[in-house]
């Protein structure tokens, strides 16, 4: 079967995502599934005989998390700015090695992917999970130019980690 591509940006980095409502559950019976582009975040439906929704039972994320080592400066109105390490990232969020934040807290992040790349500013992010040595963060507000740079970083990780063939299965 032909490899799926995002109809907006043309990338092959798409992932089957959860079904919304009765219509999508019915469409899945004829092999039409919802997909999410891992770069431009477009959600679309497509015929695909290889799509499986059994993975969604334990992985609710719409975006694949990619291993990373990115420096991030964390700004919170309750404490001084901290510099920590991002251990995995997607277009929707990341895991950050840090402690001292509670679930539901809102923070601002400034990411520094590499020395030569410009910083990426996440204006508003929310702490969604708290582990003993890390927190899970969901990005809520990202300025358009920073969203584009984030997409470039994610694309580089997708290509370097060779995930294109495993996302849409």
N, C-alpha and C. Protein backbone atom coordinates (compact mmCIF):
# COMPACT_ATOMS: atom_id res chain seq x y z
N UNK A 1 0.83 -1.19 0.00
CA UNK A 1 0.00 0.00 0.00
C UNK A 1 0.87 1.25 0.00
N UNK A 2 0.40 2.29 -0.65
CA UNK A 2 1.11 3.55 -0.77
C UNK A 2 1.30 4.20 0.61
N UNK A 3 2.47 4.78 0.81
CA UNK A 3 2.77 5.46 2.07
C UNK A 3 1.92 6.73 2.19
N UNK A 4 1.37 6.96 3.38
CA UNK A 4 0.55 8.15 3.61
C UNK A 4 1.42 9.39 3.76
N UNK A 5 0.89 10.51 3.27
CA UNK A 5 1.54 11.80 3.42
C UNK A 5 0.49 12.80 3.91
N UNK A 6 0.92 13.79 4.65
CA UNK A 6 0.02 14.84 5.10
C UNK A 6 -0.47 15.64 3.89
N UNK A 7 -1.78 15.87 3.76
CA UNK A 7 -2.29 16.64 2.62
C UNK A 7 -1.92 18.13 2.67
N UNK A 8 -1.51 18.63 3.82
CA UNK A 8 -1.15 20.04 3.95
C UNK A 8 0.33 20.28 3.64
N UNK A 9 1.22 19.56 4.36
CA UNK A 9 2.66 19.84 4.19
C UNK A 9 3.39 18.76 3.38
N UNK A 10 2.75 17.63 3.11
CA UNK A 10 3.34 16.60 2.27
C UNK A 10 4.30 15.65 2.97
N UNK A 11 4.51 15.80 4.24
CA UNK A 11 5.46 14.93 4.95
C UNK A 11 4.89 13.53 5.14
N UNK A 12 5.75 12.52 5.16
CA UNK A 12 5.27 11.16 5.45
C UNK A 12 5.19 10.89 6.96
N UNK A 13 5.54 11.86 7.78
CA UNK A 13 5.53 11.67 9.23
C UNK A 13 4.12 11.90 9.79
N UNK A 14 3.28 10.89 9.61
CA UNK A 14 1.91 10.94 10.11
C UNK A 14 1.69 9.77 11.04
N UNK A 15 0.76 9.92 11.97
CA UNK A 15 0.49 8.89 12.97
C UNK A 15 -1.01 8.73 13.13
N UNK A 16 -1.46 7.48 13.19
CA UNK A 16 -2.87 7.23 13.45
C UNK A 16 -3.20 7.81 14.82
N UNK A 17 -4.37 8.42 14.96
CA UNK A 17 -4.75 9.05 16.21
C UNK A 17 -6.11 8.54 16.66
N UNK A 18 -6.57 9.01 17.79
CA UNK A 18 -7.82 8.52 18.36
C UNK A 18 -9.01 8.92 17.49
N UNK A 19 -10.06 8.13 17.59
CA UNK A 19 -11.29 8.39 16.84
C UNK A 19 -12.20 9.30 17.66
N UNK A 20 -12.76 10.30 16.98
CA UNK A 20 -13.70 11.22 17.62
C UNK A 20 -15.11 10.87 17.16
N UNK A 21 -15.93 10.42 18.06
CA UNK A 21 -17.34 10.22 17.76
C UNK A 21 -17.68 8.96 16.99
N UNK A 22 -18.98 8.81 16.80
CA UNK A 22 -19.53 7.62 16.15
C UNK A 22 -19.17 7.54 14.68
N UNK A 23 -19.12 8.67 14.00
CA UNK A 23 -18.82 8.67 12.56
C UNK A 23 -17.45 8.07 12.30
N UNK A 24 -16.44 8.49 13.05
CA UNK A 24 -15.09 7.96 12.84
C UNK A 24 -15.00 6.49 13.23
N UNK A 25 -15.73 6.07 14.25
CA UNK A 25 -15.72 4.64 14.59
C UNK A 25 -16.35 3.82 13.46
N UNK A 26 -17.41 4.34 12.85
CA UNK A 26 -18.01 3.65 11.71
C UNK A 26 -17.07 3.64 10.50
N UNK A 27 -16.44 4.76 10.24
CA UNK A 27 -15.51 4.84 9.10
C UNK A 27 -14.34 3.88 9.26
N UNK A 28 -13.94 3.61 10.50
CA UNK A 28 -12.81 2.69 10.70
C UNK A 28 -13.15 1.27 10.23
N UNK A 29 -14.42 0.94 10.17
CA UNK A 29 -14.82 -0.39 9.69
C UNK A 29 -14.55 -0.57 8.20
N UNK A 30 -14.44 0.55 7.48
CA UNK A 30 -14.10 0.48 6.05
C UNK A 30 -12.67 1.02 5.82
N UNK A 31 -11.84 0.90 6.86
CA UNK A 31 -10.42 1.27 6.81
C UNK A 31 -10.16 2.74 6.56
N UNK A 32 -11.05 3.63 6.98
CA UNK A 32 -10.77 5.06 6.94
C UNK A 32 -10.51 5.50 8.38
N UNK A 33 -9.26 5.95 8.63
CA UNK A 33 -8.83 6.27 9.97
C UNK A 33 -8.39 7.73 10.08
N UNK A 34 -8.47 8.29 11.28
CA UNK A 34 -7.94 9.64 11.51
C UNK A 34 -6.42 9.58 11.73
N UNK A 35 -5.71 10.53 11.15
CA UNK A 35 -4.26 10.63 11.29
C UNK A 35 -3.91 12.04 11.74
N UNK A 36 -2.72 12.18 12.35
CA UNK A 36 -2.22 13.48 12.78
C UNK A 36 -0.81 13.64 12.21
N UNK A 37 -0.59 14.75 11.51
CA UNK A 37 0.75 15.06 11.00
C UNK A 37 1.63 15.42 12.20
N UNK A 38 2.81 14.84 12.24
CA UNK A 38 3.73 15.07 13.35
C UNK A 38 4.48 16.39 13.24
N UNK A 39 4.34 17.08 12.09
CA UNK A 39 5.03 18.36 11.91
C UNK A 39 4.09 19.55 11.89
N UNK A 40 3.14 19.56 10.97
CA UNK A 40 2.25 20.73 10.87
C UNK A 40 1.03 20.60 11.77
N UNK A 41 0.85 19.47 12.42
CA UNK A 41 -0.22 19.15 13.37
C UNK A 41 -1.60 18.99 12.73
N UNK A 42 -1.66 18.94 11.41
CA UNK A 42 -2.94 18.76 10.70
C UNK A 42 -3.55 17.41 11.05
N UNK A 43 -4.86 17.38 11.30
CA UNK A 43 -5.59 16.14 11.53
C UNK A 43 -6.42 15.87 10.29
N UNK A 44 -6.33 14.65 9.77
CA UNK A 44 -7.06 14.31 8.55
C UNK A 44 -7.44 12.84 8.58
N UNK A 45 -8.36 12.46 7.70
CA UNK A 45 -8.78 11.06 7.57
C UNK A 45 -8.25 10.52 6.26
N UNK A 46 -7.92 9.23 6.26
CA UNK A 46 -7.43 8.59 5.04
C UNK A 46 -7.72 7.10 5.09
N UNK A 47 -7.89 6.51 3.90
CA UNK A 47 -8.02 5.06 3.81
C UNK A 47 -6.64 4.46 4.03
N UNK A 48 -6.59 3.45 4.88
CA UNK A 48 -5.32 2.79 5.13
C UNK A 48 -5.60 1.44 5.77
N UNK A 49 -5.26 0.38 5.08
CA UNK A 49 -5.56 -0.95 5.60
C UNK A 49 -4.63 -1.35 6.74
N UNK A 50 -3.49 -0.69 6.87
CA UNK A 50 -2.54 -1.07 7.92
C UNK A 50 -2.71 -0.33 9.23
N UNK A 51 -3.62 0.63 9.30
CA UNK A 51 -3.78 1.42 10.53
C UNK A 51 -4.37 0.56 11.63
N UNK A 52 -3.84 0.72 12.82
CA UNK A 52 -4.33 -0.04 13.97
C UNK A 52 -4.69 0.93 15.07
N UNK A 53 -5.79 0.67 15.71
CA UNK A 53 -6.16 1.51 16.85
C UNK A 53 -5.93 0.82 18.17
N UNK A 54 -5.43 -0.41 18.15
CA UNK A 54 -5.16 -1.08 19.41
C UNK A 54 -4.03 -0.38 20.17
N UNK A 55 -3.15 0.33 19.49
CA UNK A 55 -2.08 1.04 20.18
C UNK A 55 -2.62 2.24 20.94
N UNK A 56 -3.74 2.79 20.53
CA UNK A 56 -4.29 3.97 21.19
C UNK A 56 -4.84 3.66 22.57
N UNK A 57 -5.08 2.39 22.87
CA UNK A 57 -5.61 2.03 24.18
C UNK A 57 -4.62 2.39 25.29
N UNK A 58 -3.32 2.28 25.01
CA UNK A 58 -2.34 2.59 26.04
C UNK A 58 -1.53 3.84 25.74
N UNK A 59 -1.62 4.39 24.55
CA UNK A 59 -0.88 5.59 24.19
C UNK A 59 -1.87 6.62 23.65
N UNK A 60 -2.28 7.55 24.49
CA UNK A 60 -3.27 8.54 24.09
C UNK A 60 -2.67 9.71 23.33
N UNK A 61 -1.37 9.76 23.24
CA UNK A 61 -0.74 10.90 22.56
C UNK A 61 -1.02 10.87 21.06
N UNK A 62 -1.24 12.06 20.53
CA UNK A 62 -1.44 12.20 19.09
C UNK A 62 -0.11 12.36 18.36
N UNK A 63 0.94 12.64 19.11
CA UNK A 63 2.25 12.89 18.52
C UNK A 63 3.26 11.94 19.14
N UNK A 64 4.13 11.39 18.31
CA UNK A 64 5.19 10.51 18.81
C UNK A 64 6.20 11.36 19.58
N UNK A 65 6.58 10.89 20.77
CA UNK A 65 7.63 11.56 21.52
C UNK A 65 8.98 11.07 21.01
N UNK A 66 9.89 11.99 20.78
CA UNK A 66 11.19 11.69 20.20
C UNK A 66 12.29 11.93 21.23
N UNK A 67 13.21 10.99 21.36
CA UNK A 67 14.34 11.17 22.28
C UNK A 67 15.10 12.43 21.88
N UNK A 68 15.46 13.20 22.88
CA UNK A 68 16.17 14.45 22.61
C UNK A 68 17.02 14.83 23.81
N UNK A 69 17.92 15.74 23.58
CA UNK A 69 18.70 16.34 24.64
C UNK A 69 18.80 17.82 24.31
N UNK A 70 17.83 18.57 24.82
CA UNK A 70 17.71 19.98 24.49
C UNK A 70 17.69 20.78 25.79
N UNK A 71 18.50 21.82 25.82
CA UNK A 71 18.52 22.70 26.98
C UNK A 71 17.25 23.55 26.98
N UNK A 72 16.63 23.67 28.16
CA UNK A 72 15.42 24.49 28.27
C UNK A 72 15.50 25.35 29.52
N UNK A 73 15.18 26.59 29.35
CA UNK A 73 15.09 27.52 30.47
C UNK A 73 13.61 27.63 30.84
N UNK A 74 13.31 27.41 32.11
CA UNK A 74 11.93 27.37 32.61
C UNK A 74 11.65 28.64 33.42
N UNK A 75 10.58 29.33 33.04
CA UNK A 75 10.17 30.54 33.76
C UNK A 75 8.83 30.27 34.42
N UNK A 76 8.79 30.56 35.71
CA UNK A 76 7.58 30.37 36.50
C UNK A 76 7.47 31.57 37.44
N UNK A 77 6.28 32.09 37.61
CA UNK A 77 6.12 33.29 38.44
C UNK A 77 6.42 33.03 39.92
N UNK A 78 6.49 31.76 40.34
CA UNK A 78 6.71 31.43 41.75
C UNK A 78 8.18 31.27 42.11
N UNK A 79 9.06 31.08 41.11
CA UNK A 79 10.47 30.84 41.42
C UNK A 79 11.38 31.45 40.36
N UNK A 80 12.66 31.46 40.65
CA UNK A 80 13.64 31.99 39.70
C UNK A 80 13.73 31.07 38.48
N UNK A 81 14.15 31.62 37.33
CA UNK A 81 14.30 30.78 36.13
C UNK A 81 15.28 29.63 36.38
N UNK A 82 14.94 28.46 35.85
CA UNK A 82 15.78 27.27 35.96
C UNK A 82 16.22 26.82 34.58
N UNK A 83 17.39 26.22 34.47
CA UNK A 83 17.82 25.62 33.22
C UNK A 83 17.87 24.12 33.43
N UNK A 84 17.14 23.39 32.59
CA UNK A 84 17.05 21.94 32.69
C UNK A 84 17.18 21.31 31.32
N UNK A 85 17.08 19.99 31.27
CA UNK A 85 17.25 19.23 30.04
C UNK A 85 15.93 18.58 29.63
N UNK A 86 15.56 18.75 28.34
CA UNK A 86 14.42 18.05 27.76
C UNK A 86 14.93 16.68 27.32
N UNK A 87 14.20 15.62 27.71
CA UNK A 87 14.63 14.25 27.36
C UNK A 87 13.83 13.67 26.19
N UNK A 88 12.63 14.17 25.97
CA UNK A 88 11.87 13.81 24.77
C UNK A 88 10.94 14.95 24.42
N UNK A 89 10.58 15.02 23.12
CA UNK A 89 9.83 16.17 22.64
C UNK A 89 8.94 15.77 21.46
N UNK A 90 7.87 16.52 21.27
CA UNK A 90 7.00 16.41 20.10
C UNK A 90 6.48 17.82 19.80
N UNK A 91 5.62 17.94 18.79
CA UNK A 91 5.04 19.25 18.48
C UNK A 91 4.05 19.70 19.56
N UNK A 92 3.66 18.78 20.42
CA UNK A 92 2.62 19.05 21.41
C UNK A 92 3.14 19.17 22.83
N UNK A 93 4.36 18.70 23.10
CA UNK A 93 4.85 18.74 24.47
C UNK A 93 6.21 18.10 24.60
N UNK A 94 6.63 17.94 25.87
CA UNK A 94 7.95 17.37 26.14
C UNK A 94 8.01 16.81 27.55
N UNK A 95 9.10 16.12 27.84
CA UNK A 95 9.43 15.69 29.20
C UNK A 95 10.66 16.48 29.61
N UNK A 96 10.63 17.02 30.80
CA UNK A 96 11.70 17.89 31.28
C UNK A 96 12.25 17.33 32.59
N UNK A 97 13.56 17.19 32.68
CA UNK A 97 14.19 16.73 33.91
C UNK A 97 14.20 17.87 34.92
N UNK A 98 13.26 17.84 35.83
CA UNK A 98 13.18 18.84 36.88
C UNK A 98 12.19 18.39 37.93
N UNK A 99 12.19 19.04 39.05
CA UNK A 99 11.22 18.76 40.11
C UNK A 99 10.72 20.09 40.65
N UNK A 100 9.75 20.04 41.53
CA UNK A 100 9.27 21.25 42.18
C UNK A 100 8.07 21.90 41.52
N UNK A 101 7.49 21.26 40.52
CA UNK A 101 6.30 21.80 39.86
C UNK A 101 5.12 20.87 40.14
N UNK A 102 3.96 21.45 40.29
CA UNK A 102 2.78 20.63 40.54
C UNK A 102 1.97 20.48 39.26
N UNK A 103 1.22 19.40 39.19
CA UNK A 103 0.36 19.14 38.04
C UNK A 103 -0.62 20.30 37.89
N UNK A 104 -0.76 20.79 36.66
CA UNK A 104 -1.65 21.92 36.39
C UNK A 104 -0.97 23.27 36.41
N UNK A 105 0.31 23.32 36.80
CA UNK A 105 1.05 24.59 36.84
C UNK A 105 1.30 25.08 35.41
N UNK A 106 1.26 26.39 35.23
CA UNK A 106 1.56 27.01 33.94
C UNK A 106 2.96 27.60 33.99
N UNK A 107 3.73 27.34 32.93
CA UNK A 107 5.10 27.81 32.86
C UNK A 107 5.39 28.35 31.47
N UNK A 108 6.52 29.01 31.33
CA UNK A 108 7.03 29.46 30.03
C UNK A 108 8.37 28.77 29.82
N UNK A 109 8.65 28.37 28.58
CA UNK A 109 9.89 27.68 28.25
C UNK A 109 10.63 28.41 27.14
N UNK A 110 11.95 28.41 27.21
CA UNK A 110 12.79 28.87 26.11
C UNK A 110 13.76 27.73 25.83
N UNK A 111 13.64 27.13 24.65
CA UNK A 111 14.44 25.97 24.25
C UNK A 111 15.64 26.43 23.43
N UNK A 112 16.76 25.80 23.67
CA UNK A 112 17.99 26.08 22.91
C UNK A 112 18.46 24.76 22.30
N UNK A 113 17.92 24.40 21.09
CA UNK A 113 18.24 23.10 20.49
C UNK A 113 19.74 22.85 20.30
N UNK A 114 20.45 23.77 19.66
CA UNK A 114 21.89 23.65 19.47
C UNK A 114 22.50 25.04 19.54
N UNK A 115 23.81 25.09 19.54
CA UNK A 115 24.51 26.37 19.64
C UNK A 115 24.16 27.30 18.49
N UNK A 116 24.09 26.75 17.26
CA UNK A 116 23.87 27.61 16.10
C UNK A 116 22.40 27.93 15.83
N UNK A 117 21.47 27.18 16.43
CA UNK A 117 20.05 27.43 16.17
C UNK A 117 19.50 28.50 17.11
N UNK A 118 18.51 29.22 16.61
CA UNK A 118 17.84 30.23 17.42
C UNK A 118 17.00 29.56 18.50
N UNK A 119 16.72 30.29 19.55
CA UNK A 119 15.89 29.74 20.62
C UNK A 119 14.45 29.58 20.14
N UNK A 120 13.73 28.72 20.82
CA UNK A 120 12.30 28.48 20.56
C UNK A 120 11.56 28.84 21.83
N UNK A 121 10.60 29.75 21.71
CA UNK A 121 9.86 30.21 22.88
C UNK A 121 8.48 29.57 22.93
N UNK A 122 8.18 28.94 24.03
CA UNK A 122 6.85 28.41 24.31
C UNK A 122 6.24 29.36 25.33
N UNK A 123 5.32 30.21 24.89
CA UNK A 123 4.77 31.24 25.78
C UNK A 123 4.03 30.66 26.97
N UNK A 124 3.21 29.63 26.72
CA UNK A 124 2.46 29.01 27.80
C UNK A 124 2.51 27.50 27.63
N UNK A 125 2.87 26.82 28.71
CA UNK A 125 2.88 25.37 28.75
C UNK A 125 2.28 24.94 30.09
N UNK A 126 1.71 23.75 30.11
CA UNK A 126 1.09 23.26 31.34
C UNK A 126 1.75 21.94 31.76
N UNK A 127 2.00 21.82 33.05
CA UNK A 127 2.52 20.58 33.60
C UNK A 127 1.37 19.58 33.67
N UNK A 128 1.49 18.48 32.90
CA UNK A 128 0.42 17.48 32.83
C UNK A 128 0.70 16.24 33.67
N UNK A 129 1.97 15.97 33.94
CA UNK A 129 2.31 14.81 34.77
C UNK A 129 3.57 15.13 35.57
N UNK A 130 3.65 14.54 36.74
CA UNK A 130 4.80 14.75 37.62
C UNK A 130 5.35 13.38 38.01
N UNK A 131 6.63 13.18 37.70
CA UNK A 131 7.36 11.95 38.06
C UNK A 131 8.41 12.34 39.10
N UNK A 132 9.07 11.36 39.72
CA UNK A 132 10.08 11.70 40.74
C UNK A 132 11.19 12.63 40.25
N UNK A 133 11.65 12.47 39.00
CA UNK A 133 12.76 13.31 38.54
C UNK A 133 12.43 14.09 37.26
N UNK A 134 11.19 14.07 36.82
CA UNK A 134 10.83 14.80 35.60
C UNK A 134 9.36 15.19 35.61
N UNK A 135 9.03 16.08 34.66
CA UNK A 135 7.63 16.48 34.50
C UNK A 135 7.26 16.36 33.01
N UNK A 136 6.00 16.06 32.76
CA UNK A 136 5.48 16.03 31.40
C UNK A 136 4.78 17.35 31.13
N UNK A 137 5.10 17.97 30.01
CA UNK A 137 4.60 19.31 29.71
C UNK A 137 3.84 19.28 28.39
N UNK A 138 2.73 20.00 28.35
CA UNK A 138 1.98 20.17 27.10
C UNK A 138 2.09 21.63 26.68
N UNK A 139 2.46 21.84 25.41
CA UNK A 139 2.59 23.20 24.88
C UNK A 139 1.21 23.75 24.56
N UNK A 140 0.90 24.94 25.06
CA UNK A 140 -0.40 25.55 24.83
C UNK A 140 -0.34 26.73 23.87
N UNK A 141 0.64 27.61 24.04
CA UNK A 141 0.77 28.79 23.19
C UNK A 141 2.21 28.91 22.68
N UNK A 142 2.33 28.80 21.35
CA UNK A 142 3.63 28.91 20.71
C UNK A 142 3.48 29.92 19.56
N UNK A 143 4.24 31.03 19.59
CA UNK A 143 4.16 31.99 18.48
C UNK A 143 4.48 31.31 17.14
N UNK A 144 3.84 31.75 16.05
CA UNK A 144 4.00 31.09 14.74
C UNK A 144 5.44 30.87 14.30
N UNK A 145 6.31 31.87 14.46
CA UNK A 145 7.70 31.70 14.01
C UNK A 145 8.44 30.68 14.87
N UNK A 146 8.09 30.58 16.14
CA UNK A 146 8.70 29.60 17.04
C UNK A 146 8.12 28.21 16.77
N UNK A 147 6.85 28.15 16.38
CA UNK A 147 6.21 26.88 16.02
C UNK A 147 6.91 26.30 14.79
N UNK A 148 7.26 27.15 13.84
CA UNK A 148 7.98 26.71 12.64
C UNK A 148 9.35 26.16 13.00
N UNK A 149 10.08 26.85 13.89
CA UNK A 149 11.40 26.37 14.33
C UNK A 149 11.29 25.05 15.10
N UNK A 150 10.24 24.93 15.92
CA UNK A 150 9.99 23.68 16.64
C UNK A 150 9.77 22.56 15.63
N UNK A 151 9.03 22.83 14.57
CA UNK A 151 8.79 21.85 13.51
C UNK A 151 10.09 21.41 12.86
N UNK A 152 11.03 22.34 12.67
CA UNK A 152 12.32 21.99 12.08
C UNK A 152 13.12 21.06 13.00
N UNK A 153 13.07 21.33 14.30
CA UNK A 153 13.77 20.48 15.27
C UNK A 153 13.14 19.08 15.28
N UNK A 154 11.81 19.02 15.31
CA UNK A 154 11.11 17.73 15.32
C UNK A 154 11.40 16.96 14.03
N UNK A 155 11.39 17.65 12.89
CA UNK A 155 11.71 17.00 11.62
C UNK A 155 13.11 16.39 11.66
N UNK A 156 14.07 17.14 12.16
CA UNK A 156 15.43 16.63 12.28
C UNK A 156 15.50 15.38 13.15
N UNK A 157 14.75 15.36 14.24
CA UNK A 157 14.73 14.19 15.12
C UNK A 157 14.03 13.01 14.45
N UNK A 158 12.92 13.29 13.75
CA UNK A 158 12.21 12.22 13.05
C UNK A 158 13.11 11.56 12.01
N UNK A 159 13.82 12.38 11.24
CA UNK A 159 14.71 11.85 10.21
C UNK A 159 15.88 11.09 10.84
N UNK A 160 16.50 11.68 11.86
CA UNK A 160 17.67 11.04 12.46
C UNK A 160 17.32 9.76 13.21
N UNK A 161 16.11 9.67 13.74
CA UNK A 161 15.70 8.47 14.46
C UNK A 161 14.97 7.48 13.57
N UNK A 162 14.79 7.84 12.28
CA UNK A 162 14.21 6.92 11.33
C UNK A 162 12.81 6.43 11.67
N UNK A 163 11.93 7.34 12.10
CA UNK A 163 10.61 6.94 12.56
C UNK A 163 9.53 7.01 11.50
N UNK A 164 9.86 7.40 10.26
CA UNK A 164 8.81 7.57 9.26
C UNK A 164 8.06 6.28 8.95
N UNK A 165 8.72 5.15 8.95
CA UNK A 165 8.05 3.91 8.60
C UNK A 165 7.26 3.31 9.76
N UNK A 166 7.48 3.78 10.99
CA UNK A 166 6.77 3.20 12.12
C UNK A 166 5.59 4.03 12.59
N UNK A 167 5.48 5.26 12.16
CA UNK A 167 4.43 6.13 12.67
C UNK A 167 3.04 5.76 12.17
N UNK A 168 2.90 5.48 10.89
CA UNK A 168 1.56 5.28 10.36
C UNK A 168 1.14 3.82 10.35
N UNK A 169 1.86 2.98 11.02
CA UNK A 169 1.44 1.58 11.13
C UNK A 169 0.54 1.37 12.31
